[in-house]
């Protein structure tokens, strides 16, 4: 923890992960959203992963939340 937004964005860019820009003072706080799609071609139900990187008032990483997004028939 304690990473800066620039460090998190750099890491996500290096790994080619789709993400938002740093959202400072948004309605939900300071954060970066990232999305990792399910790349399996033959899955009936897709299992995408959403990640929220939350920062404190000093622009330091305070919390990471991972959420599973299931989509399918």
Protein backbone atom coordinates (compact mmCIF):
# COMPACT_ATOMS: atom_id res chain seq x y z
CA UNK A 1 0.00 0.00 0.00
CA UNK A 2 0.99 3.66 0.11
CA UNK A 3 1.54 3.75 -3.67
CA UNK A 4 0.78 6.98 -5.50
CA UNK A 5 -1.83 7.25 -8.27
CA UNK A 6 0.99 7.63 -10.81
CA UNK A 7 2.55 4.35 -9.64
CA UNK A 8 -0.78 2.49 -9.88
CA UNK A 9 -1.50 3.95 -13.33
CA UNK A 10 2.02 3.05 -14.47
CA UNK A 11 1.56 -0.54 -13.30
CA UNK A 12 -1.83 -0.87 -15.00
CA UNK A 13 -0.42 0.58 -18.23
CA UNK A 14 2.57 -1.78 -18.13
CA UNK A 15 0.17 -4.75 -17.79
CA UNK A 16 -2.20 -3.40 -20.50
CA UNK A 17 -5.13 -3.30 -18.08
CA UNK A 18 -8.08 -1.11 -19.09
CA UNK A 19 -8.59 1.59 -16.45
CA UNK A 20 -9.96 5.03 -15.66
CA UNK A 21 -7.83 8.05 -14.95
CA UNK A 22 -7.28 9.10 -11.34
CA UNK A 23 -10.65 10.40 -10.14
CA UNK A 24 -9.87 12.88 -7.39
CA UNK A 25 -12.71 14.09 -5.15
CA UNK A 26 -15.31 12.06 -7.01
CA UNK A 27 -18.61 11.30 -5.32
CA UNK A 28 -17.07 8.03 -4.05
CA UNK A 29 -13.69 9.44 -3.01
CA UNK A 30 -10.29 9.40 -4.69
CA UNK A 31 -10.00 6.31 -6.88
CA UNK A 32 -8.98 4.49 -10.04
CA UNK A 33 -11.21 1.88 -11.65
CA UNK A 34 -9.72 -1.06 -13.55
CA UNK A 35 -11.41 -3.82 -15.52
CA UNK A 36 -10.01 -7.25 -16.37
CA UNK A 37 -12.31 -9.03 -18.82
CA UNK A 38 -12.80 -12.78 -18.97
CA UNK A 39 -10.92 -13.82 -22.11
CA UNK A 40 -12.18 -17.39 -22.38
CA UNK A 41 -13.81 -17.85 -25.77
CA UNK A 42 -16.14 -20.72 -24.94
CA UNK A 43 -17.51 -19.80 -21.53
CA UNK A 44 -21.29 -19.70 -21.16
CA UNK A 45 -20.97 -17.25 -18.29
CA UNK A 46 -18.32 -14.53 -18.45
CA UNK A 47 -16.43 -13.83 -15.25
CA UNK A 48 -15.04 -10.29 -15.50
CA UNK A 49 -13.13 -8.68 -12.66
CA UNK A 50 -13.52 -5.06 -11.54
CA UNK A 51 -10.91 -3.44 -9.30
CA UNK A 52 -11.17 -0.18 -7.35
CA UNK A 53 -7.96 1.40 -6.10
CA UNK A 54 -8.95 3.83 -3.31
CA UNK A 55 -6.64 6.62 -2.16
CA UNK A 56 -6.56 8.69 1.02
CA UNK A 57 -6.50 12.50 1.26
CA UNK A 58 -2.71 12.44 0.82
CA UNK A 59 -2.97 10.60 -2.53
CA UNK A 60 -1.65 7.33 -1.14
CA UNK A 61 -3.21 3.94 -1.86
CA UNK A 62 -5.35 3.01 1.13
CA UNK A 63 -7.53 0.15 -0.10
CA UNK A 64 -8.02 -2.19 -3.04
CA UNK A 65 -11.44 -3.72 -3.68
CA UNK A 66 -11.94 -6.56 -6.17
CA UNK A 67 -15.40 -7.41 -7.47
CA UNK A 68 -16.51 -10.26 -9.69
CA UNK A 69 -18.95 -9.44 -12.49
CA UNK A 70 -20.77 -12.48 -13.88
CA UNK A 71 -22.65 -12.10 -17.16
CA UNK A 72 -24.39 -14.70 -19.25
CA UNK A 73 -27.70 -16.30 -20.15
